[in-house]
Amino acid sequence: MAAFMAAFFVVCAMVGTVVSDPDLLQDICVADLASAAVKVNGFVCKANATAADFFSDILAKPAATNNSLGAVVTGANVQRIPGLNTLGVSMSRIDYAPGGLNPPHTHPRATEIVFVLYGEIDVGFITTANVLYSKTIKQGEIFTFPKGLVHFQKNNGNVPAAVIAAFNSQLPGTQSIAATLFAATPPVPNNVLTKAFMVGNKEVEKIKSRLAPKK
């Protein structure tokens, strides 16, 4: 019995070590974005860090929103700020023209929280039970999107809007639902999409043509 209990506690301890990210082993590990010599779950640390590795003004100015969706996401993640490597945080700025939409998407590696800089937007997320949680938020207010759940933001107002988004991941990843299904490479077979969405082949081809990457 004693041996069984000892083994049980060892297994529990081992499980506890793999269900969350490990603690940092040094103060900083600035990402060496140019190194492809070693593949790790993250980035290799570069030898010489500077203050510039921890700085960016990329979110300081609004992005141009003259695109088909009327919205632009500007990411401030480890790919833009190498000093974020191993720190488990990142941010984005999202700018919306009147009527602009950040379409339904997911972040597979992070929970997101948005803070409205100005304007007013409609936000929402859908649970795995297909329940929609939605709200209109305005300047100074916040809203949270749980990790991995499909969510969206839309500016239904007549003036521009912007939010700052924060993530508990250095690189949250983004999967836009429409682009993931209709603009994948190689493409998702039409017979999968026609059956899943209960539409005809012409409709699928039309959507694919509109979402195809611009050459």
N, C-alpha and C. Protein backbone atom coordinates (compact mmCIF):
# COMPACT_ATOMS: atom_id res chain seq x y z
N MET A 1 0.83 -1.20 0.00
CA MET A 1 0.00 0.00 0.00
C MET A 1 0.87 1.25 0.00
N ALA A 2 1.92 1.22 0.81
CA ALA A 2 2.80 2.39 0.88
C ALA A 2 3.46 2.65 -0.47
N ALA A 3 3.87 1.55 -1.14
CA ALA A 3 4.50 1.69 -2.45
C ALA A 3 3.51 2.28 -3.46
N PHE A 4 2.24 1.84 -3.38
CA PHE A 4 1.21 2.35 -4.30
C PHE A 4 1.01 3.84 -4.08
N MET A 5 0.91 4.26 -2.81
CA MET A 5 0.70 5.68 -2.51
C MET A 5 1.88 6.51 -2.99
N ALA A 6 3.09 5.98 -2.82
CA ALA A 6 4.27 6.71 -3.27
C ALA A 6 4.24 6.90 -4.78
N ALA A 7 3.88 5.81 -5.49
CA ALA A 7 3.80 5.90 -6.95
C ALA A 7 2.72 6.87 -7.39
N PHE A 8 1.60 6.87 -6.66
CA PHE A 8 0.48 7.77 -6.97
C PHE A 8 0.92 9.23 -6.86
N PHE A 9 1.63 9.57 -5.79
CA PHE A 9 2.07 10.96 -5.61
C PHE A 9 3.11 11.35 -6.65
N VAL A 10 3.95 10.40 -7.07
CA VAL A 10 4.93 10.70 -8.12
C VAL A 10 4.23 11.03 -9.43
N VAL A 11 3.20 10.21 -9.78
CA VAL A 11 2.44 10.46 -11.00
C VAL A 11 1.75 11.81 -10.94
N CYS A 12 1.14 12.12 -9.80
CA CYS A 12 0.47 13.42 -9.64
C CYS A 12 1.45 14.57 -9.82
N ALA A 13 2.63 14.41 -9.27
CA ALA A 13 3.64 15.46 -9.39
C ALA A 13 4.06 15.63 -10.84
N MET A 14 4.19 14.50 -11.57
CA MET A 14 4.58 14.57 -12.98
C MET A 14 3.50 15.24 -13.80
N VAL A 15 2.22 14.92 -13.55
CA VAL A 15 1.12 15.55 -14.27
C VAL A 15 1.12 17.05 -14.01
N GLY A 16 1.39 17.43 -12.76
CA GLY A 16 1.41 18.84 -12.41
C GLY A 16 2.46 19.62 -13.14
N THR A 17 3.52 18.94 -13.57
CA THR A 17 4.60 19.65 -14.25
C THR A 17 4.32 19.86 -15.73
N VAL A 18 3.31 19.20 -16.30
CA VAL A 18 3.08 19.33 -17.74
C VAL A 18 1.78 20.05 -18.09
N VAL A 19 1.01 20.45 -17.09
CA VAL A 19 -0.27 21.09 -17.41
C VAL A 19 -0.16 22.60 -17.52
N SER A 20 1.01 23.17 -17.28
CA SER A 20 1.17 24.61 -17.42
C SER A 20 2.58 24.91 -17.90
N ASP A 21 2.78 26.15 -18.37
CA ASP A 21 4.11 26.54 -18.83
C ASP A 21 5.10 26.51 -17.68
N PRO A 22 6.33 26.13 -17.94
CA PRO A 22 7.35 26.12 -16.87
C PRO A 22 7.73 27.53 -16.47
N ASP A 23 8.26 27.67 -15.28
CA ASP A 23 8.76 28.96 -14.83
C ASP A 23 9.99 29.35 -15.63
N LEU A 24 10.26 30.67 -15.69
CA LEU A 24 11.44 31.15 -16.38
C LEU A 24 12.70 30.65 -15.69
N LEU A 25 13.72 30.37 -16.48
CA LEU A 25 14.99 29.91 -15.95
C LEU A 25 16.04 31.01 -15.94
N GLN A 26 15.71 32.17 -16.52
CA GLN A 26 16.59 33.34 -16.48
C GLN A 26 15.72 34.59 -16.59
N ASP A 27 16.31 35.74 -16.34
CA ASP A 27 15.53 36.98 -16.36
C ASP A 27 14.94 37.26 -17.73
N ILE A 28 15.76 37.14 -18.77
CA ILE A 28 15.31 37.44 -20.12
C ILE A 28 15.82 36.39 -21.10
N CYS A 29 15.12 36.27 -22.23
CA CYS A 29 15.54 35.39 -23.32
C CYS A 29 15.06 36.04 -24.61
N VAL A 30 15.77 37.07 -25.04
CA VAL A 30 15.36 37.81 -26.23
C VAL A 30 15.43 36.90 -27.45
N ALA A 31 14.36 36.86 -28.23
CA ALA A 31 14.27 35.94 -29.37
C ALA A 31 15.27 36.30 -30.45
N ASP A 32 16.01 35.29 -30.89
CA ASP A 32 16.89 35.44 -32.05
C ASP A 32 16.06 35.05 -33.27
N LEU A 33 15.35 36.04 -33.83
CA LEU A 33 14.41 35.77 -34.91
C LEU A 33 15.11 35.33 -36.20
N ALA A 34 16.41 35.61 -36.29
CA ALA A 34 17.15 35.25 -37.50
C ALA A 34 17.71 33.84 -37.46
N SER A 35 17.65 33.20 -36.29
CA SER A 35 18.25 31.88 -36.15
C SER A 35 17.25 30.79 -36.51
N ALA A 36 17.67 29.90 -37.41
CA ALA A 36 16.85 28.75 -37.76
C ALA A 36 17.60 27.46 -37.47
N ALA A 37 18.68 27.57 -36.72
CA ALA A 37 19.53 26.41 -36.48
C ALA A 37 18.88 25.42 -35.52
N VAL A 38 18.12 25.93 -34.55
CA VAL A 38 17.52 25.07 -33.54
C VAL A 38 16.02 25.31 -33.52
N LYS A 39 15.23 24.26 -33.53
CA LYS A 39 13.79 24.37 -33.45
C LYS A 39 13.34 24.05 -32.02
N VAL A 40 12.69 25.03 -31.38
CA VAL A 40 12.20 24.83 -30.02
C VAL A 40 10.77 25.35 -29.95
N ASN A 41 10.10 25.12 -28.83
CA ASN A 41 8.75 25.62 -28.64
C ASN A 41 8.84 27.08 -28.18
N GLY A 42 9.16 27.94 -29.13
CA GLY A 42 9.46 29.34 -28.84
C GLY A 42 10.62 29.73 -29.73
N PHE A 43 11.47 30.61 -29.25
CA PHE A 43 12.62 31.06 -30.03
C PHE A 43 13.90 30.91 -29.23
N VAL A 44 14.98 30.69 -29.95
CA VAL A 44 16.30 30.62 -29.33
C VAL A 44 16.66 31.99 -28.76
N CYS A 45 17.34 32.02 -27.62
CA CYS A 45 17.78 33.29 -27.03
C CYS A 45 18.98 33.82 -27.81
N LYS A 46 18.97 35.11 -28.10
CA LYS A 46 20.15 35.67 -28.76
C LYS A 46 21.17 36.09 -27.71
N ALA A 47 22.41 36.19 -28.13
CA ALA A 47 23.51 36.39 -27.19
C ALA A 47 23.51 37.77 -26.55
N ASN A 48 23.25 38.81 -27.34
CA ASN A 48 23.38 40.17 -26.83
C ASN A 48 22.06 40.92 -26.96
N ALA A 49 21.43 41.22 -25.83
CA ALA A 49 20.17 41.95 -25.81
C ALA A 49 20.42 43.44 -25.60
N THR A 50 19.50 44.25 -26.11
CA THR A 50 19.55 45.70 -25.88
C THR A 50 18.16 46.17 -25.47
N ALA A 51 18.07 47.41 -25.02
CA ALA A 51 16.78 47.96 -24.63
C ALA A 51 15.81 47.99 -25.80
N ALA A 52 16.33 48.12 -27.02
CA ALA A 52 15.48 48.16 -28.20
C ALA A 52 14.70 46.86 -28.39
N ASP A 53 15.22 45.75 -27.87
CA ASP A 53 14.53 44.47 -28.00
C ASP A 53 13.23 44.43 -27.20
N PHE A 54 13.06 45.35 -26.26
CA PHE A 54 11.89 45.37 -25.40
C PHE A 54 10.96 46.55 -25.72
N PHE A 55 11.25 47.27 -26.80
CA PHE A 55 10.52 48.51 -27.12
C PHE A 55 9.88 48.43 -28.49
N SER A 56 8.73 49.10 -28.63
CA SER A 56 8.11 49.28 -29.94
C SER A 56 7.10 50.42 -29.85
N ASP A 57 6.98 51.18 -30.92
CA ASP A 57 5.93 52.20 -31.01
C ASP A 57 4.90 51.82 -32.05
N ILE A 58 4.83 50.51 -32.37
CA ILE A 58 3.99 50.04 -33.47
C ILE A 58 2.50 50.28 -33.24
N LEU A 59 2.08 50.42 -31.97
CA LEU A 59 0.66 50.62 -31.68
C LEU A 59 0.29 52.09 -31.49
N ALA A 60 1.25 52.97 -31.70
CA ALA A 60 1.04 54.39 -31.39
C ALA A 60 0.07 55.08 -32.34
N LYS A 61 0.04 54.65 -33.60
CA LYS A 61 -0.77 55.35 -34.60
C LYS A 61 -1.82 54.43 -35.20
N PRO A 62 -2.97 54.99 -35.59
CA PRO A 62 -4.01 54.17 -36.24
C PRO A 62 -3.51 53.61 -37.57
N ALA A 63 -3.97 52.42 -37.91
CA ALA A 63 -3.65 51.83 -39.20
C ALA A 63 -4.72 52.23 -40.21
N ALA A 64 -4.36 52.23 -41.49
CA ALA A 64 -5.32 52.54 -42.54
C ALA A 64 -6.33 51.40 -42.65
N THR A 65 -7.60 51.73 -42.66
CA THR A 65 -8.67 50.72 -42.65
C THR A 65 -9.38 50.63 -44.00
N ASN A 66 -8.70 51.04 -45.06
CA ASN A 66 -9.33 51.03 -46.40
C ASN A 66 -9.16 49.67 -47.07
N ASN A 67 -9.73 48.65 -46.44
CA ASN A 67 -9.75 47.30 -47.00
C ASN A 67 -11.17 46.77 -47.02
N SER A 68 -11.35 45.57 -47.51
CA SER A 68 -12.71 45.04 -47.70
C SER A 68 -13.47 44.85 -46.40
N LEU A 69 -12.76 44.65 -45.30
CA LEU A 69 -13.41 44.45 -44.00
C LEU A 69 -13.55 45.74 -43.21
N GLY A 70 -12.76 46.76 -43.56
CA GLY A 70 -12.82 48.01 -42.82
C GLY A 70 -12.22 47.90 -41.44
N ALA A 71 -11.28 46.99 -41.24
CA ALA A 71 -10.63 46.82 -39.95
C ALA A 71 -9.22 46.29 -40.16
N VAL A 72 -8.30 46.69 -39.28
CA VAL A 72 -6.91 46.25 -39.37
C VAL A 72 -6.41 45.89 -37.98
N VAL A 73 -5.77 44.72 -37.86
CA VAL A 73 -5.15 44.29 -36.61
C VAL A 73 -3.65 44.49 -36.73
N THR A 74 -3.07 45.24 -35.79
CA THR A 74 -1.63 45.45 -35.74
C THR A 74 -1.09 44.72 -34.52
N GLY A 75 -0.30 43.68 -34.75
CA GLY A 75 0.17 42.84 -33.65
C GLY A 75 1.47 43.34 -33.04
N ALA A 76 1.54 43.29 -31.72
CA ALA A 76 2.79 43.58 -31.00
C ALA A 76 3.14 42.32 -30.22
N ASN A 77 3.61 41.31 -30.96
CA ASN A 77 3.94 40.02 -30.36
C ASN A 77 5.44 39.78 -30.46
N VAL A 78 5.86 38.57 -30.15
CA VAL A 78 7.29 38.26 -30.12
C VAL A 78 7.95 38.45 -31.48
N GLN A 79 7.19 38.34 -32.54
CA GLN A 79 7.76 38.53 -33.87
C GLN A 79 8.08 39.99 -34.14
N ARG A 80 7.45 40.90 -33.40
CA ARG A 80 7.73 42.33 -33.54
C ARG A 80 8.58 42.85 -32.39
N ILE A 81 8.45 42.23 -31.22
CA ILE A 81 9.19 42.65 -30.02
C ILE A 81 9.90 41.43 -29.47
N PRO A 82 11.14 41.19 -29.87
CA PRO A 82 11.85 39.95 -29.49
C PRO A 82 11.96 39.74 -27.99
N GLY A 83 11.95 40.84 -27.22
CA GLY A 83 12.07 40.71 -25.77
C GLY A 83 10.89 40.03 -25.11
N LEU A 84 9.79 39.84 -25.83
CA LEU A 84 8.63 39.14 -25.27
C LEU A 84 8.84 37.63 -25.17
N ASN A 85 9.89 37.13 -25.82
CA ASN A 85 10.13 35.69 -25.81
C ASN A 85 10.19 35.15 -24.38
N THR A 86 9.43 34.11 -24.11
CA THR A 86 9.28 33.40 -22.82
C THR A 86 8.47 34.16 -21.78
N LEU A 87 8.00 35.38 -22.08
CA LEU A 87 7.30 36.17 -21.06
C LEU A 87 5.78 35.94 -21.04
N GLY A 88 5.24 35.33 -22.09
CA GLY A 88 3.83 34.94 -22.06
C GLY A 88 2.83 36.06 -22.19
N VAL A 89 3.21 37.20 -22.79
CA VAL A 89 2.28 38.30 -23.00
C VAL A 89 2.50 38.91 -24.37
N SER A 90 1.47 39.55 -24.91
CA SER A 90 1.57 40.33 -26.13
C SER A 90 0.34 41.21 -26.23
N MET A 91 0.35 42.11 -27.22
CA MET A 91 -0.76 43.04 -27.41
C MET A 91 -1.04 43.21 -28.89
N SER A 92 -2.17 43.82 -29.19
CA SER A 92 -2.51 44.22 -30.55
C SER A 92 -3.31 45.50 -30.48
N ARG A 93 -3.29 46.23 -31.57
CA ARG A 93 -4.21 47.36 -31.75
C ARG A 93 -5.13 47.01 -32.92
N ILE A 94 -6.42 47.24 -32.74
CA ILE A 94 -7.37 46.98 -33.82
C ILE A 94 -8.09 48.28 -34.13
N ASP A 95 -7.98 48.71 -35.39
CA ASP A 95 -8.64 49.92 -35.85
C ASP A 95 -9.81 49.56 -36.76
N TYR A 96 -10.94 50.26 -36.59
CA TYR A 96 -12.16 49.97 -37.34
C TYR A 96 -12.66 51.24 -38.02
N ALA A 97 -12.93 51.15 -39.30
CA ALA A 97 -13.68 52.21 -39.98
C ALA A 97 -15.15 52.07 -39.57
N PRO A 98 -15.98 53.08 -39.83
CA PRO A 98 -17.42 52.89 -39.61
C PRO A 98 -17.91 51.66 -40.37
N GLY A 99 -18.56 50.75 -39.67
CA GLY A 99 -19.01 49.51 -40.28
C GLY A 99 -17.95 48.43 -40.36
N GLY A 100 -16.73 48.72 -39.87
CA GLY A 100 -15.63 47.77 -39.96
C GLY A 100 -15.82 46.53 -39.10
N LEU A 101 -15.31 45.42 -39.60
CA LEU A 101 -15.49 44.12 -38.92
C LEU A 101 -14.16 43.40 -38.76
N ASN A 102 -13.87 42.95 -37.53
CA ASN A 102 -12.83 41.96 -37.30
C ASN A 102 -13.58 40.62 -37.28
N PRO A 103 -13.52 39.85 -38.38
CA PRO A 103 -14.44 38.73 -38.57
C PRO A 103 -14.24 37.60 -37.57
N PRO A 104 -15.21 36.70 -37.47
CA PRO A 104 -15.11 35.59 -36.53
C PRO A 104 -13.79 34.85 -36.66
N HIS A 105 -13.11 34.67 -35.52
CA HIS A 105 -11.80 34.04 -35.51
C HIS A 105 -11.54 33.47 -34.13
N THR A 106 -10.44 32.73 -33.98
CA THR A 106 -10.03 32.21 -32.69
C THR A 106 -8.55 32.47 -32.47
N HIS A 107 -8.16 32.46 -31.18
CA HIS A 107 -6.74 32.48 -30.81
C HIS A 107 -6.48 31.18 -30.05
N PRO A 108 -5.86 30.20 -30.69
CA PRO A 108 -5.72 28.88 -30.07
C PRO A 108 -4.83 28.84 -28.85
N ARG A 109 -3.98 29.87 -28.66
CA ARG A 109 -3.03 29.81 -27.56
C ARG A 109 -3.24 30.89 -26.50
N ALA A 110 -4.35 31.64 -26.54
CA ALA A 110 -4.46 32.74 -25.59
C ALA A 110 -5.89 33.19 -25.35
N THR A 111 -6.12 33.67 -24.13
CA THR A 111 -7.31 34.45 -23.80
C THR A 111 -7.00 35.89 -24.20
N GLU A 112 -8.03 36.62 -24.62
CA GLU A 112 -7.86 38.01 -25.07
C GLU A 112 -8.75 38.93 -24.25
N ILE A 113 -8.25 40.11 -23.93
CA ILE A 113 -9.05 41.14 -23.30
C ILE A 113 -8.84 42.43 -24.08
N VAL A 114 -9.94 43.11 -24.43
CA VAL A 114 -9.83 44.34 -25.22
C VAL A 114 -10.27 45.55 -24.39
N PHE A 115 -9.58 46.67 -24.62
CA PHE A 115 -9.86 47.95 -23.98
C PHE A 115 -10.16 48.95 -25.09
N VAL A 116 -11.31 49.62 -25.02
CA VAL A 116 -11.71 50.54 -26.08
C VAL A 116 -11.00 51.87 -25.92
N LEU A 117 -10.21 52.23 -26.94
CA LEU A 117 -9.52 53.53 -26.94
C LEU A 117 -10.49 54.65 -27.27
N TYR A 118 -11.27 54.45 -28.31
CA TYR A 118 -12.30 55.43 -28.68
C TYR A 118 -13.33 54.75 -29.57
N GLY A 119 -14.50 55.37 -29.66
CA GLY A 119 -15.58 54.79 -30.44
C GLY A 119 -16.39 53.79 -29.65
N GLU A 120 -17.15 52.99 -30.38
CA GLU A 120 -18.05 52.02 -29.77
C GLU A 120 -18.14 50.82 -30.70
N ILE A 121 -17.98 49.62 -30.15
CA ILE A 121 -18.03 48.41 -30.98
C ILE A 121 -18.93 47.35 -30.35
N ASP A 122 -19.46 46.51 -31.21
CA ASP A 122 -20.21 45.34 -30.76
C ASP A 122 -19.27 44.15 -30.76
N VAL A 123 -19.26 43.41 -29.65
CA VAL A 123 -18.36 42.28 -29.51
C VAL A 123 -19.14 41.05 -29.09
N GLY A 124 -18.55 39.88 -29.32
CA GLY A 124 -19.20 38.66 -28.87
C GLY A 124 -18.33 37.44 -29.06
N PHE A 125 -18.59 36.40 -28.26
CA PHE A 125 -17.95 35.10 -28.44
C PHE A 125 -18.99 34.01 -28.31
N ILE A 126 -18.69 32.85 -28.91
CA ILE A 126 -19.61 31.72 -28.92
C ILE A 126 -18.96 30.55 -28.20
N THR A 127 -19.67 29.95 -27.26
CA THR A 127 -19.14 28.81 -26.53
C THR A 127 -19.25 27.54 -27.36
N THR A 128 -18.65 26.47 -26.87
CA THR A 128 -18.74 25.18 -27.57
C THR A 128 -20.16 24.61 -27.52
N ALA A 129 -21.03 25.19 -26.69
CA ALA A 129 -22.44 24.80 -26.67
C ALA A 129 -23.28 25.69 -27.58
N ASN A 130 -22.59 26.50 -28.42
CA ASN A 130 -23.23 27.42 -29.37
C ASN A 130 -24.07 28.49 -28.68
N VAL A 131 -23.60 28.95 -27.53
CA VAL A 131 -24.24 30.08 -26.83
C VAL A 131 -23.44 31.34 -27.13
N LEU A 132 -24.13 32.39 -27.58
CA LEU A 132 -23.49 33.66 -27.89
C LEU A 132 -23.54 34.60 -26.69
N TYR A 133 -22.37 35.12 -26.32
CA TYR A 133 -22.28 36.17 -25.30
C TYR A 133 -21.84 37.44 -26.02
N SER A 134 -22.69 38.46 -26.05
CA SER A 134 -22.37 39.66 -26.81
C SER A 134 -22.74 40.92 -26.03
N LYS A 135 -22.07 42.02 -26.41
CA LYS A 135 -22.30 43.28 -25.71
C LYS A 135 -21.76 44.42 -26.56
N THR A 136 -22.31 45.61 -26.39
CA THR A 136 -21.76 46.81 -27.00
C THR A 136 -20.87 47.49 -25.97
N ILE A 137 -19.63 47.78 -26.35
CA ILE A 137 -18.70 48.42 -25.42
C ILE A 137 -18.19 49.73 -26.04
N LYS A 138 -17.92 50.70 -25.14
CA LYS A 138 -17.49 52.02 -25.61
C LYS A 138 -16.23 52.45 -24.89
N GLN A 139 -15.76 53.65 -25.20
CA GLN A 139 -14.48 54.16 -24.70
C GLN A 139 -14.29 53.90 -23.20
N GLY A 140 -13.13 53.31 -22.86
CA GLY A 140 -12.79 53.04 -21.47
C GLY A 140 -13.29 51.72 -20.94
N GLU A 141 -14.10 51.00 -21.71
CA GLU A 141 -14.65 49.73 -21.25
C GLU A 141 -13.84 48.55 -21.80
N ILE A 142 -14.01 47.40 -21.17
CA ILE A 142 -13.26 46.21 -21.56
C ILE A 142 -14.19 45.03 -21.75
N PHE A 143 -13.70 44.04 -22.50
CA PHE A 143 -14.43 42.80 -22.70
C PHE A 143 -13.42 41.68 -22.89
N THR A 144 -13.76 40.48 -22.44
CA THR A 144 -12.83 39.35 -22.48
C THR A 144 -13.36 38.25 -23.39
N PHE A 145 -12.44 37.66 -24.18
CA PHE A 145 -12.75 36.52 -25.04
C PHE A 145 -11.97 35.32 -24.55
N PRO A 146 -12.63 34.27 -24.04
CA PRO A 146 -11.93 33.10 -23.52
C PRO A 146 -11.09 32.40 -24.57
N LYS A 147 -10.02 31.80 -24.13
CA LYS A 147 -9.06 31.11 -25.00
C LYS A 147 -9.74 30.11 -25.93
N GLY A 148 -9.42 30.21 -27.22
CA GLY A 148 -9.84 29.22 -28.19
C GLY A 148 -11.26 29.36 -28.70
N LEU A 149 -12.08 30.25 -28.11
CA LEU A 149 -13.47 30.36 -28.55
C LEU A 149 -13.59 31.35 -29.72
N VAL A 150 -14.51 31.05 -30.63
CA VAL A 150 -14.76 31.93 -31.78
C VAL A 150 -15.33 33.25 -31.28
N HIS A 151 -14.79 34.37 -31.78
CA HIS A 151 -15.27 35.69 -31.37
C HIS A 151 -15.12 36.69 -32.51
N PHE A 152 -15.70 37.88 -32.32
CA PHE A 152 -15.70 38.90 -33.36
C PHE A 152 -15.85 40.27 -32.71
N GLN A 153 -15.54 41.32 -33.51
CA GLN A 153 -15.80 42.70 -33.11
C GLN A 153 -16.28 43.45 -34.34
N LYS A 154 -17.27 44.33 -34.17
CA LYS A 154 -17.80 45.11 -35.30
C LYS A 154 -18.14 46.52 -34.86
N ASN A 155 -17.72 47.47 -35.68
CA ASN A 155 -18.05 48.88 -35.43
C ASN A 155 -19.32 49.22 -36.20
N ASN A 156 -20.43 49.28 -35.50
CA ASN A 156 -21.70 49.62 -36.13
C ASN A 156 -22.00 51.11 -36.09
N GLY A 157 -21.03 51.90 -35.62
CA GLY A 157 -21.22 53.34 -35.52
C GLY A 157 -20.87 54.07 -36.80
N ASN A 158 -21.01 55.39 -36.76
CA ASN A 158 -20.73 56.23 -37.91
C ASN A 158 -19.37 56.91 -37.83
N VAL A 159 -18.59 56.58 -36.80
CA VAL A 159 -17.26 57.16 -36.62
C VAL A 159 -16.26 56.03 -36.39
N PRO A 160 -14.96 56.27 -36.65
CA PRO A 160 -13.96 55.23 -36.42
C PRO A 160 -13.89 54.80 -34.95
N ALA A 161 -13.35 53.61 -34.74
CA ALA A 161 -13.16 53.09 -33.38
C ALA A 161 -11.82 52.36 -33.33
N ALA A 162 -11.33 52.17 -32.11
CA ALA A 162 -10.06 51.44 -31.93
C ALA A 162 -10.03 50.81 -30.55
N VAL A 163 -9.38 49.65 -30.46
CA VAL A 163 -9.18 48.98 -29.17
C VAL A 163 -7.74 48.54 -29.05
N ILE A 164 -7.31 48.36 -27.82
CA ILE A 164 -6.05 47.69 -27.51
C ILE A 164 -6.40 46.33 -26.94
N ALA A 165 -5.81 45.27 -27.51
CA ALA A 165 -6.06 43.91 -27.05
C ALA A 165 -4.82 43.36 -26.36
N ALA A 166 -5.00 42.66 -25.26
CA ALA A 166 -3.90 42.02 -24.54
C ALA A 166 -4.13 40.52 -24.51
N PHE A 167 -3.02 39.76 -24.59
CA PHE A 167 -3.08 38.30 -24.64
C PHE A 167 -2.11 37.70 -23.64
N ASN A 168 -2.46 36.53 -23.10
CA ASN A 168 -1.54 35.83 -22.19
C ASN A 168 -0.71 34.81 -22.97
N SER A 169 -0.15 35.28 -24.07
CA SER A 169 0.75 34.47 -24.90
C SER A 169 1.65 35.41 -25.68
N GLN A 170 2.91 34.99 -25.88
CA GLN A 170 3.81 35.82 -26.67
C GLN A 170 3.46 35.78 -28.15
N LEU A 171 2.70 34.75 -28.57
CA LEU A 171 2.30 34.59 -29.96
C LEU A 171 0.97 33.83 -29.99
N PRO A 172 -0.17 34.54 -29.81
CA PRO A 172 -1.46 33.88 -29.62
C PRO A 172 -1.91 33.02 -30.80
N GLY A 173 -1.49 33.39 -32.02
CA GLY A 173 -2.01 32.71 -33.20
C GLY A 173 -3.43 33.17 -33.49
N THR A 174 -3.77 33.28 -34.76
CA THR A 174 -5.12 33.69 -35.16
C THR A 174 -5.60 32.81 -36.30
N GLN A 175 -6.79 32.24 -36.14
CA GLN A 175 -7.43 31.50 -37.21
C GLN A 175 -8.75 32.17 -37.54
N SER A 176 -8.78 32.87 -38.67
CA SER A 176 -10.02 33.45 -39.17
C SER A 176 -10.86 32.33 -39.75
N ILE A 177 -12.08 32.19 -39.28
CA ILE A 177 -12.89 31.03 -39.64
C ILE A 177 -13.10 30.94 -41.16
N ALA A 178 -13.49 32.05 -41.79
CA ALA A 178 -13.76 32.02 -43.22
C ALA A 178 -12.50 31.71 -44.02
N ALA A 179 -11.42 32.41 -43.71
CA ALA A 179 -10.17 32.20 -44.45
C ALA A 179 -9.60 30.81 -44.22
N THR A 180 -9.73 30.31 -42.99
CA THR A 180 -9.22 28.97 -42.68
C THR A 180 -9.91 27.91 -43.53
N LEU A 181 -11.21 28.04 -43.72
CA LEU A 181 -11.96 27.02 -44.44
C LEU A 181 -11.96 27.22 -45.95
N PHE A 182 -11.97 28.49 -46.39
CA PHE A 182 -12.15 28.74 -47.81
C PHE A 182 -10.89 29.24 -48.53
N ALA A 183 -9.80 29.46 -47.80
CA ALA A 183 -8.58 29.93 -48.44
C ALA A 183 -7.35 29.15 -47.99
N ALA A 184 -7.56 27.91 -47.55
CA ALA A 184 -6.45 27.07 -47.09
C ALA A 184 -5.60 26.63 -48.27
N THR A 185 -4.34 26.29 -47.99
CA THR A 185 -3.42 25.76 -48.99
C THR A 185 -2.81 24.45 -48.49
N PRO A 186 -3.02 23.33 -49.19
CA PRO A 186 -3.94 23.15 -50.33
C PRO A 186 -5.40 23.34 -49.89
N PRO A 187 -6.30 23.55 -50.84
CA PRO A 187 -7.68 23.90 -50.48
C PRO A 187 -8.44 22.75 -49.82
N VAL A 188 -9.36 23.14 -48.95
CA VAL A 188 -10.30 22.16 -48.39
C VAL A 188 -11.20 21.69 -49.54
N PRO A 189 -11.42 20.38 -49.70
CA PRO A 189 -12.25 19.90 -50.82
C PRO A 189 -13.64 20.52 -50.81
N ASN A 190 -14.12 20.86 -52.00
CA ASN A 190 -15.45 21.46 -52.11
C ASN A 190 -16.55 20.59 -51.53
N ASN A 191 -16.40 19.25 -51.68
CA ASN A 191 -17.48 18.38 -51.19
C ASN A 191 -17.56 18.39 -49.67
N VAL A 192 -16.47 18.76 -49.01
CA VAL A 192 -16.52 18.93 -47.55
C VAL A 192 -17.29 20.20 -47.21
N LEU A 193 -16.99 21.28 -47.92
CA LEU A 193 -17.61 22.57 -47.62
C LEU A 193 -19.08 22.61 -48.03
N THR A 194 -19.42 22.00 -49.17
CA THR A 194 -20.82 22.02 -49.59
C THR A 194 -21.70 21.27 -48.60
N LYS A 195 -21.17 20.17 -48.08
CA LYS A 195 -21.97 19.39 -47.13
C LYS A 195 -22.03 20.06 -45.77
N ALA A 196 -20.89 20.64 -45.33
CA ALA A 196 -20.86 21.29 -44.02
C ALA A 196 -21.77 22.51 -43.96
N PHE A 197 -21.79 23.30 -45.05
CA PHE A 197 -22.57 24.53 -45.06
C PHE A 197 -23.90 24.40 -45.78
N MET A 198 -24.15 23.19 -46.35
CA MET A 198 -25.42 22.91 -47.03
C MET A 198 -25.69 23.93 -48.14
N VAL A 199 -24.65 24.15 -48.97
CA VAL A 199 -24.77 25.04 -50.12
C VAL A 199 -24.22 24.30 -51.35
N GLY A 200 -24.38 24.92 -52.51
CA GLY A 200 -23.92 24.30 -53.74
C GLY A 200 -22.47 24.61 -54.05
N ASN A 201 -21.95 23.91 -55.04
CA ASN A 201 -20.56 24.07 -55.43
C ASN A 201 -20.27 25.49 -55.93
N LYS A 202 -21.23 26.10 -56.63
CA LYS A 202 -21.04 27.47 -57.14
C LYS A 202 -20.84 28.46 -56.00
N GLU A 203 -21.61 28.29 -54.94
CA GLU A 203 -21.49 29.19 -53.79
C GLU A 203 -20.12 29.06 -53.14
N VAL A 204 -19.64 27.81 -53.01
CA VAL A 204 -18.32 27.58 -52.42
C VAL A 204 -17.24 28.21 -53.27
N GLU A 205 -17.31 28.02 -54.58
CA GLU A 205 -16.30 28.59 -55.47
C GLU A 205 -16.33 30.12 -55.41
N LYS A 206 -17.50 30.69 -55.29
CA LYS A 206 -17.63 32.15 -55.21
C LYS A 206 -16.94 32.68 -53.97
N ILE A 207 -17.17 32.01 -52.83
CA ILE A 207 -16.53 32.45 -51.58
C ILE A 207 -15.02 32.27 -51.67
N LYS A 208 -14.58 31.14 -52.21
CA LYS A 208 -13.14 30.89 -52.34
C LYS A 208 -12.46 31.96 -53.19
N SER A 209 -13.11 32.36 -54.27
CA SER A 209 -12.52 33.37 -55.16
C SER A 209 -12.39 34.71 -54.47
N ARG A 210 -13.34 35.03 -53.61
CA ARG A 210 -13.30 36.31 -52.91
C ARG A 210 -12.27 36.34 -51.77
N LEU A 211 -12.01 35.17 -51.20
CA LEU A 211 -11.07 35.09 -50.08
C LEU A 211 -9.67 34.69 -50.51
N ALA A 212 -9.49 34.36 -51.77
CA ALA A 212 -8.17 33.94 -52.24
C ALA A 212 -7.15 35.05 -52.02
N PRO A 213 -5.92 34.70 -51.57
CA PRO A 213 -4.89 35.72 -51.36
C PRO A 213 -4.62 36.50 -52.63
N LYS A 214 -4.45 37.82 -52.48
CA LYS A 214 -4.16 38.67 -53.64
C LYS A 214 -2.73 38.42 -54.11
N LYS A 215 -2.55 38.25 -55.42
CA LYS A 215 -1.24 37.99 -55.99
C LYS A 215 -0.63 39.28 -56.55
